[in-house]
PDB file of N, CA and C in Angstrom:
ATOM      1  N   SER A   1     -10.218  48.222 -49.076  1.00  0.00           N
ATOM      2  CA  SER A   1      -9.927  49.555 -49.580  1.00  0.00           C
ATOM      3  C   SER A   1      -9.053  50.127 -48.453  1.00  0.00           C
ATOM      4  N   LEU A   2      -9.403  50.095 -46.947  1.00  0.00           N
ATOM      5  CA  LEU A   2      -8.448  50.905 -45.732  1.00  0.00           C
ATOM      6  C   LEU A   2      -7.002  50.382 -45.976  1.00  0.00           C
ATOM      7  N   VAL A   3      -6.649  49.212 -46.482  1.00  0.00           N
ATOM      8  CA  VAL A   3      -5.095  48.619 -46.824  1.00  0.00           C
ATOM      9  C   VAL A   3      -4.262  49.293 -47.932  1.00  0.00           C
ATOM     10  N   GLY A   4      -5.727  49.349 -48.805  1.00  0.00           N
ATOM     11  CA  GLY A   4      -5.010  49.838 -50.457  1.00  0.00           C
ATOM     12  C   GLY A   4      -4.617  51.427 -49.909  1.00  0.00           C
ATOM     13  N   SER A   5      -5.661  52.234 -49.053  1.00  0.00           N
ATOM     14  CA  SER A   5      -5.216  53.777 -49.233  1.00  0.00           C
ATOM     15  C   SER A   5      -4.347  53.813 -48.052  1.00  0.00           C
ATOM     16  N   LEU A   6      -3.955  53.131 -47.353  1.00  0.00           N
ATOM     17  CA  LEU A   6      -2.825  53.506 -46.108  1.00  0.00           C
ATOM     18  C   LEU A   6      -1.404  52.875 -47.169  1.00  0.00           C
ATOM     19  N   PHE A   7      -1.123  51.961 -48.119  1.00  0.00           N
ATOM     20  CA  PHE A   7      -0.163  51.761 -48.649  1.00  0.00           C
ATOM     21  C   PHE A   7       0.094  52.195 -50.215  1.00  0.00           C
ATOM     22  N   PHE A   8      -0.882  53.138 -50.334  1.00  0.00           N
ATOM     23  CA  PHE A   8      -0.951  53.888 -51.719  1.00  0.00           C
ATOM     24  C   PHE A   8      -0.907  52.768 -52.808  1.00  0.00           C
ATOM     25  N   VAL A   9      -1.627  51.825 -52.824  1.00  0.00           N
ATOM     26  CA  VAL A   9      -1.952  50.749 -54.026  1.00  0.00           C
ATOM     27  C   VAL A   9      -3.257  50.761 -54.214  1.00  0.00           C
ATOM     28  N   GLU A  10      -4.236  51.763 -53.971  1.00  0.00           N
ATOM     29  CA  GLU A  10      -5.223  51.857 -54.531  1.00  0.00           C
ATOM     30  C   GLU A  10      -5.546  51.896 -56.153  1.00  0.00           C
ATOM     31  N   ASN A  11      -4.548  52.251 -56.770  1.00  0.00           N
ATOM     32  CA  ASN A  11      -4.853  52.259 -58.343  1.00  0.00           C
ATOM     33  C   ASN A  11      -4.559  50.755 -58.797  1.00  0.00           C
ATOM     34  N   LEU A  12      -3.492  50.080 -57.957  1.00  0.00           N
ATOM     35  CA  LEU A  12      -3.652  48.418 -58.465  1.00  0.00           C
ATOM     36  C   LEU A  12      -4.307  47.553 -58.047  1.00  0.00           C
ATOM     37  N   PHE A  13      -5.736  47.538 -57.392  1.00  0.00           N
ATOM     38  CA  PHE A  13      -6.466  46.802 -56.743  1.00  0.00           C
ATOM     39  C   PHE A  13      -7.791  47.835 -56.419  1.00  0.00           C
ATOM     40  N   PRO A  14      -8.421  47.983 -57.661  1.00  0.00           N
ATOM     41  CA  PRO A  14      -9.474  48.797 -57.539  1.00  0.00           C
ATOM     42  C   PRO A  14     -10.827  48.101 -56.685  1.00  0.00           C
ATOM     43  N   SER A  15     -11.314  48.587 -56.184  1.00  0.00           N
ATOM     44  CA  SER A  15     -12.516  48.347 -55.350  1.00  0.00           C
ATOM     45  C   SER A  15     -13.765  49.154 -55.675  1.00  0.00           C
ATOM     46  N   LEU A  16     -14.993  48.130 -55.028  1.00  0.00           N
ATOM     47  CA  LEU A  16     -16.041  49.172 -55.175  1.00  0.00           C
ATOM     48  C   LEU A  16     -16.202  50.342 -54.168  1.00  0.00           C
ATOM     49  N   THR A  17     -15.825  50.131 -53.061  1.00  0.00           N
ATOM     50  CA  THR A  17     -15.709  51.240 -52.058  1.00  0.00           C
ATOM     51  C   THR A  17     -14.608  52.086 -52.049  1.00  0.00           C
ATOM     52  N   LYS A  18     -14.457  53.443 -51.923  1.00  0.00           N
ATOM     53  CA  LYS A  18     -13.067  53.960 -52.009  1.00  0.00           C
ATOM     54  C   LYS A  18     -13.407  55.052 -50.716  1.00  0.00           C
ATOM     55  N   ILE A  19     -11.943  55.059 -49.944  1.00  0.00           N
ATOM     56  CA  ILE A  19     -12.293  55.952 -48.847  1.00  0.00           C
ATOM     57  C   ILE A  19     -11.952  57.342 -49.403  1.00  0.00           C
ATOM     58  N   VAL A  20     -10.799  57.472 -50.101  1.00  0.00           N
ATOM     59  CA  VAL A  20     -10.456  59.176 -51.016  1.00  0.00           C
ATOM     60  C   VAL A  20     -10.698  58.860 -52.123  1.00  0.00           C
ATOM     61  N   PRO A  21     -11.775  59.492 -52.881  1.00  0.00           N
ATOM     62  CA  PRO A  21     -12.084  59.328 -54.304  1.00  0.00           C
ATOM     63  C   PRO A  21     -10.862  59.337 -55.128  1.00  0.00           C
ATOM     64  N   VAL A  22      -9.836  60.390 -54.755  1.00  0.00           N
ATOM     65  CA  VAL A  22      -8.860  60.364 -55.744  1.00  0.00           C
ATOM     66  C   VAL A  22      -7.763  59.897 -55.469  1.00  0.00           C
ATOM     67  N   GLY A  23      -8.126  58.741 -54.419  1.00  0.00           N
ATOM     68  CA  GLY A  23      -7.034  58.192 -54.116  1.00  0.00           C
ATOM     69  C   GLY A  23      -5.785  57.352 -55.172  1.00  0.00           C
ATOM     70  N   TRP A  24      -6.617  56.892 -56.277  1.00  0.00           N
ATOM     71  CA  TRP A  24      -5.538  56.277 -57.315  1.00  0.00           C
ATOM     72  C   TRP A  24      -4.762  57.184 -57.892  1.00  0.00           C
ATOM     73  N   SER A  25      -5.242  58.481 -57.697  1.00  0.00           N
ATOM     74  CA  SER A  25      -4.327  59.914 -58.392  1.00  0.00           C
ATOM     75  C   SER A  25      -2.894  59.632 -57.295  1.00  0.00           C
ATOM     76  N   LEU A  26      -3.311  59.993 -56.043  1.00  0.00           N
ATOM     77  CA  LEU A  26      -2.283  60.002 -55.014  1.00  0.00           C
ATOM     78  C   LEU A  26      -1.439  58.481 -54.868  1.00  0.00           C
ATOM     79  N   ALA A  27      -2.173  57.586 -55.258  1.00  0.00           N
ATOM     80  CA  ALA A  27      -1.330  55.987 -54.973  1.00  0.00           C
ATOM     81  C   ALA A  27      -0.402  56.186 -56.582  1.00  0.00           C
ATOM     82  N   ILE A  28      -0.271  56.756 -57.465  1.00  0.00           N
ATOM     83  CA  ILE A  28       0.299  56.903 -58.789  1.00  0.00           C
ATOM     84  C   ILE A  28       1.529  57.812 -58.447  1.00  0.00           C
ATOM     85  N   GLU A  29       0.919  59.165 -57.650  1.00  0.00           N
ATOM     86  CA  GLU A  29       2.033  59.994 -57.112  1.00  0.00           C
ATOM     87  C   GLU A  29       3.137  59.411 -56.300  1.00  0.00           C
ATOM     88  N   VAL A  30       2.397  58.934 -55.412  1.00  0.00           N
ATOM     89  CA  VAL A  30       3.509  58.203 -54.265  1.00  0.00           C
ATOM     90  C   VAL A  30       4.499  57.189 -54.985  1.00  0.00           C
ATOM     91  N   GLN A  31       3.978  56.321 -55.893  1.00  0.00           N
ATOM     92  CA  GLN A  31       4.550  55.187 -56.528  1.00  0.00           C
ATOM     93  C   GLN A  31       5.661  55.700 -57.161  1.00  0.00           C
ATOM     94  N   PHE A  32       5.442  57.292 -57.956  1.00  0.00           N
ATOM     95  CA  PHE A  32       6.400  57.744 -58.532  1.00  0.00           C
ATOM     96  C   PHE A  32       7.557  58.007 -58.149  1.00  0.00           C
ATOM     97  N   TYR A  33       7.061  58.497 -56.991  1.00  0.00           N
ATOM     98  CA  TYR A  33       8.217  59.198 -56.395  1.00  0.00           C
ATOM     99  C   TYR A  33       8.964  58.329 -55.400  1.00  0.00           C
ATOM    100  N   VAL A  34       8.682  57.168 -55.161  1.00  0.00           N
ATOM    101  CA  VAL A  34       9.275  56.150 -54.369  1.00  0.00           C
ATOM    102  C   VAL A  34      10.354  55.359 -55.482  1.00  0.00           C
ATOM    103  N   LEU A  35       9.843  55.097 -56.870  1.00  0.00           N
ATOM    104  CA  LEU A  35      10.808  54.561 -57.846  1.00  0.00           C
ATOM    105  C   LEU A  35      11.760  55.354 -58.498  1.00  0.00           C
ATOM    106  N   ILE A  36      11.450  56.361 -58.733  1.00  0.00           N
ATOM    107  CA  ILE A  36      12.410  57.356 -59.836  1.00  0.00           C
ATOM    108  C   ILE A  36      13.733  57.165 -59.084  1.00  0.00           C
ATOM    109  N   PRO A  37      13.747  57.430 -57.846  1.00  0.00           N
ATOM    110  CA  PRO A  37      15.192  57.312 -57.349  1.00  0.00           C
ATOM    111  C   PRO A  37      15.877  56.201 -57.544  1.00  0.00           C
ATOM    112  N   PHE A  38      15.459  55.057 -57.543  1.00  0.00           N
ATOM    113  CA  PHE A  38      16.036  53.770 -58.018  1.00  0.00           C
ATOM    114  C   PHE A  38      16.413  53.825 -59.294  1.00  0.00           C
ATOM    115  N   LEU A  39      15.768  54.427 -60.302  1.00  0.00           N
ATOM    116  CA  LEU A  39      15.960  54.357 -61.739  1.00  0.00           C
ATOM    117  C   LEU A  39      17.707  55.241 -61.819  1.00  0.00           C
ATOM    118  N   PHE A  40      18.076  56.302 -60.812  1.00  0.00           N
ATOM    119  CA  PHE A  40      19.063  56.947 -61.240  1.00  0.00           C
ATOM    120  C   PHE A  40      20.272  56.177 -60.259  1.00  0.00           C
ATOM    121  N   LEU A  41      19.963  54.997 -59.943  1.00  0.00           N
ATOM    122  CA  LEU A  41      21.191  54.576 -59.306  1.00  0.00           C
ATOM    123  C   LEU A  41      21.627  53.177 -60.358  1.00  0.00           C
ATOM    124  N   LEU A  42      20.801  53.141 -61.844  1.00  0.00           N
ATOM    125  CA  LEU A  42      21.636  52.643 -62.864  1.00  0.00           C
ATOM    126  C   LEU A  42      22.218  53.004 -63.335  1.00  0.00           C
ATOM    127  N   PRO A  43      23.220  52.587 -64.438  1.00  0.00           N
ATOM    128  CA  PRO A  43      24.141  53.461 -65.432  1.00  0.00           C
ATOM    129  C   PRO A  43      23.362  54.296 -66.294  1.00  0.00           C
ATOM    130  N   VAL A  44      24.224  55.328 -66.970  1.00  0.00           N
ATOM    131  CA  VAL A  44      23.206  56.046 -67.647  1.00  0.00           C
ATOM    132  C   VAL A  44      22.923  55.250 -69.259  1.00  0.00           C
ATOM    133  N   PRO A  45      23.782  54.591 -69.545  1.00  0.00           N
ATOM    134  CA  PRO A  45      23.147  53.940 -70.464  1.00  0.00           C
ATOM    135  C   PRO A  45      21.482  53.001 -70.469  1.00  0.00           C
ATOM    136  N   VAL A  46      21.802  52.597 -69.293  1.00  0.00           N
ATOM    137  CA  VAL A  46      20.617  51.769 -69.023  1.00  0.00           C
ATOM    138  C   VAL A  46      19.504  52.640 -68.582  1.00  0.00           C
ATOM    139  N   ILE A  47      19.526  53.706 -68.098  1.00  0.00           N
ATOM    140  CA  ILE A  47      18.615  55.074 -67.861  1.00  0.00           C
ATOM    141  C   ILE A  47      18.019  54.835 -69.351  1.00  0.00           C
ATOM    142  N   PHE A  48      18.823  55.448 -70.251  1.00  0.00           N
ATOM    143  CA  PHE A  48      18.229  55.895 -71.686  1.00  0.00           C
ATOM    144  C   PHE A  48      17.098  54.849 -72.028  1.00  0.00           C
ATOM    145  N   ARG A  49      17.923  53.639 -72.098  1.00  0.00           N
ATOM    146  CA  ARG A  49      17.333  52.341 -72.770  1.00  0.00           C
ATOM    147  C   ARG A  49      15.976  52.394 -71.850  1.00  0.00           C
ATOM    148  N   VAL A  50      15.745  52.231 -70.381  1.00  0.00           N
ATOM    149  CA  VAL A  50      14.460  52.144 -69.889  1.00  0.00           C
ATOM    150  C   VAL A  50      13.752  53.271 -70.454  1.00  0.00           C
ATOM    151  N   LEU A  51      14.137  54.552 -70.269  1.00  0.00           N
ATOM    152  CA  LEU A  51      13.253  55.487 -70.937  1.00  0.00           C
ATOM    153  C   LEU A  51      12.784  55.217 -72.114  1.00  0.00           C
ATOM    154  N   TRP A  52      13.615  54.869 -73.205  1.00  0.00           N
ATOM    155  CA  TRP A  52      13.241  54.839 -74.512  1.00  0.00           C
ATOM    156  C   TRP A  52      12.364  53.742 -74.518  1.00  0.00           C
ATOM    157  N   THR A  53      12.194  52.857 -74.042  1.00  0.00           N
ATOM    158  CA  THR A  53      11.561  51.341 -74.067  1.00  0.00           C
ATOM    159  C   THR A  53      10.146  52.147 -73.185  1.00  0.00           C
ATOM    160  N   LEU A  54       9.947  52.963 -72.176  1.00  0.00           N
ATOM    161  CA  LEU A  54       8.951  53.241 -71.903  1.00  0.00           C
ATOM    162  C   LEU A  54       8.182  54.440 -72.895  1.00  0.00           C
ATOM    163  N   LEU A  55       8.812  54.804 -73.514  1.00  0.00           N
ATOM    164  CA  LEU A  55       8.342  55.852 -74.323  1.00  0.00           C
ATOM    165  C   LEU A  55       7.624  55.056 -75.614  1.00  0.00           C
ATOM    166  N   ALA A  56       8.263  54.176 -76.215  1.00  0.00           N
ATOM    167  CA  ALA A  56       8.017  53.343 -77.171  1.00  0.00           C
ATOM    168  C   ALA A  56       6.443  52.399 -76.475  1.00  0.00           C
ATOM    169  N   LEU A  57       6.527  51.692 -75.536  1.00  0.00           N
ATOM    170  CA  LEU A  57       5.613  51.151 -74.701  1.00  0.00           C
ATOM    171  C   LEU A  57       4.266  51.889 -74.776  1.00  0.00           C
ATOM    172  N   THR A  58       4.250  53.180 -74.337  1.00  0.00           N
ATOM    173  CA  THR A  58       3.186  54.217 -74.133  1.00  0.00           C
ATOM    174  C   THR A  58       2.797  54.449 -75.711  1.00  0.00           C
ATOM    175  N   ILE A  59       3.686  55.046 -76.439  1.00  0.00           N
ATOM    176  CA  ILE A  59       3.182  54.989 -78.006  1.00  0.00           C
ATOM    177  C   ILE A  59       2.348  54.028 -78.761  1.00  0.00           C
ATOM    178  N   ALA A  60       2.491  52.882 -78.379  1.00  0.00           N
ATOM    179  CA  ALA A  60       2.090  51.662 -78.782  1.00  0.00           C
ATOM    180  C   ALA A  60       1.270  51.488 -78.151  1.00  0.00           C
ATOM    181  N   ILE A  61       0.723  51.937 -77.142  1.00  0.00           N
ATOM    182  CA  ILE A  61      -0.823  51.582 -76.104  1.00  0.00           C
ATOM    183  C   ILE A  61      -1.416  52.722 -76.845  1.00  0.00           C
ATOM    184  N   ARG A  62      -1.069  54.118 -77.117  1.00  0.00           N
ATOM    185  CA  ARG A  62      -1.803  55.064 -77.554  1.00  0.00           C
ATOM    186  C   ARG A  62      -2.465  54.670 -78.917  1.00  0.00           C
ATOM    187  N   PHE A  63      -1.484  54.107 -79.972  1.00  0.00           N
ATOM    188  CA  PHE A  63      -1.916  53.739 -81.188  1.00  0.00           C
ATOM    189  C   PHE A  63      -2.900  52.379 -81.111  1.00  0.00           C
ATOM    190  N   GLY A  64      -2.823  51.572 -80.132  1.00  0.00           N
ATOM    191  CA  GLY A  64      -3.579  50.272 -79.930  1.00  0.00           C
ATOM    192  C   GLY A  64      -4.974  50.731 -79.719  1.00  0.00           C
ATOM    193  N   LEU A  65      -4.896  51.747 -78.753  1.00  0.00           N
ATOM    194  CA  LEU A  65      -6.327  52.430 -78.105  1.00  0.00           C
ATOM    195  C   LEU A  65      -7.128  52.831 -79.332  1.00  0.00           C
ATOM    196  N   LEU A  66      -6.384  53.762 -80.035  1.00  0.00           N
ATOM    197  CA  LEU A  66      -6.756  54.405 -81.329  1.00  0.00           C
ATOM    198  C   LEU A  66      -7.505  53.338 -82.159  1.00  0.00           C
ATOM    199  N   LEU A  67      -6.673  52.232 -82.596  1.00  0.00           N
ATOM    200  CA  LEU A  67      -7.353  51.390 -83.493  1.00  0.00           C
ATOM    201  C   LEU A  67      -8.251  50.594 -82.811  1.00  0.00           C
ATOM    202  N   LEU A  68      -8.267  50.074 -81.738  1.00  0.00           N
ATOM    203  CA  LEU A  68      -9.243  49.338 -81.156  1.00  0.00           C
ATOM    204  C   LEU A  68     -10.602  50.052 -81.235  1.00  0.00           C
ATOM    205  N   ASN A  69     -10.684  51.586 -81.052  1.00  0.00           N
ATOM    206  CA  ASN A  69     -11.911  52.215 -80.556  1.00  0.00           C
ATOM    207  C   ASN A  69     -11.274  53.629 -80.981  1.00  0.00           C
ATOM    208  N   PRO A  70     -11.874  53.951 -82.167  1.00  0.00           N
ATOM    209  CA  PRO A  70     -11.414  55.078 -82.767  1.00  0.00           C
ATOM    210  C   PRO A  70     -11.923  56.679 -82.254  1.00  0.00           C
ATOM    211  N   ASP A  71     -13.290  56.214 -81.479  1.00  0.00           N
ATOM    212  CA  ASP A  71     -14.200  57.304 -80.684  1.00  0.00           C
ATOM    213  C   ASP A  71     -13.724  57.560 -79.470  1.00  0.00           C
ATOM    214  N   PHE A  72     -12.644  57.202 -78.955  1.00  0.00           N
ATOM    215  CA  PHE A  72     -11.795  57.137 -77.830  1.00  0.00           C
ATOM    216  C   PHE A  72     -11.254  58.623 -77.788  1.00  0.00           C
ATOM    217  N   TYR A  73     -10.281  59.106 -78.923  1.00  0.00           N
ATOM    218  CA  TYR A  73      -9.730  60.236 -78.884  1.00  0.00           C
ATOM    219  C   TYR A  73     -10.808  61.366 -79.500  1.00  0.00           C
ATOM    220  N   ARG A  74     -11.962  60.806 -79.778  1.00  0.00           N
ATOM    221  CA  ARG A  74     -13.082  61.710 -80.763  1.00  0.00           C
ATOM    222  C   ARG A  74     -13.496  62.704 -79.519  1.00  0.00           C
ATOM    223  N   VAL A  75     -13.985  62.044 -78.466  1.00  0.00           N
ATOM    224  CA  VAL A  75     -14.859  63.075 -77.415  1.00  0.00           C
ATOM    225  C   VAL A  75     -14.067  62.880 -76.127  1.00  0.00           C
ATOM    226  N   SER A  76     -14.184  63.822 -75.556  1.00  0.00           N
ATOM    227  CA  SER A  76     -13.616  64.055 -73.987  1.00  0.00           C
ATOM    228  C   SER A  76     -13.721  62.743 -73.299  1.00  0.00           C
ATOM    229  N   PRO A  77     -12.435  62.351 -72.229  1.00  0.00           N
ATOM    230  CA  PRO A  77     -12.625  61.201 -71.466  1.00  0.00           C
ATOM    231  C   PRO A  77     -13.722  60.919 -70.573  1.00  0.00           C
ATOM    232  N   LEU A  78     -14.678  62.054 -70.302  1.00  0.00           N
ATOM    233  CA  LEU A  78     -15.660  62.236 -69.319  1.00  0.00           C
ATOM    234  C   LEU A  78     -17.228  61.645 -70.225  1.00  0.00           C
ATOM    235  N   ALA A  79     -17.102  62.253 -71.644  1.00  0.00           N
ATOM    236  CA  ALA A  79     -18.300  62.006 -72.175  1.00  0.00           C
ATOM    237  C   ALA A  79     -17.922  60.169 -72.511  1.00  0.00           C
ATOM    238  N   TYR A  80     -17.082  59.780 -72.842  1.00  0.00           N
ATOM    239  CA  TYR A  80     -16.395  58.412 -73.599  1.00  0.00           C
ATOM    240  C   TYR A  80     -17.006  57.827 -72.153  1.00  0.00           C
ATOM    241  N   LEU A  81     -16.770  57.984 -71.101  1.00  0.00           N
ATOM    242  CA  LEU A  81     -17.049  57.081 -70.103  1.00  0.00           C
ATOM    243  C   LEU A  81     -18.483  57.039 -69.550  1.00  0.00           C
ATOM    244  N   ILE A  82     -19.205  58.418 -69.704  1.00  0.00           N
ATOM    245  CA  ILE A  82     -20.760  58.522 -69.297  1.00  0.00           C
ATOM    246  C   ILE A  82     -21.473  57.532 -70.281  1.00  0.00           C
ATOM    247  N   GLY A  83     -20.586  57.604 -71.798  1.00  0.00           N
ATOM    248  CA  GLY A  83     -21.575  56.884 -72.672  1.00  0.00           C
ATOM    249  C   GLY A  83     -22.131  57.797 -74.003  1.00  0.00           C
TER     250      GLY A  83
END
């Protein structure tokens, strides 16, 4: 858990104990800010292709979650996790 917190990869390797309870959120932010500048090194058509692909993927995942479990979007995420 200490190594995951230090290198901001806590969201990739979940563990039972957390040093920082919201470390997963901070890890996602740091990964975003580290990776996004490399996206702009690509040619513009490739950037648009990557962004459209990511958009289509997220929409497909959302519809997949909806089809697999319709209750997922009817209740708040916290109430869904609690049961």
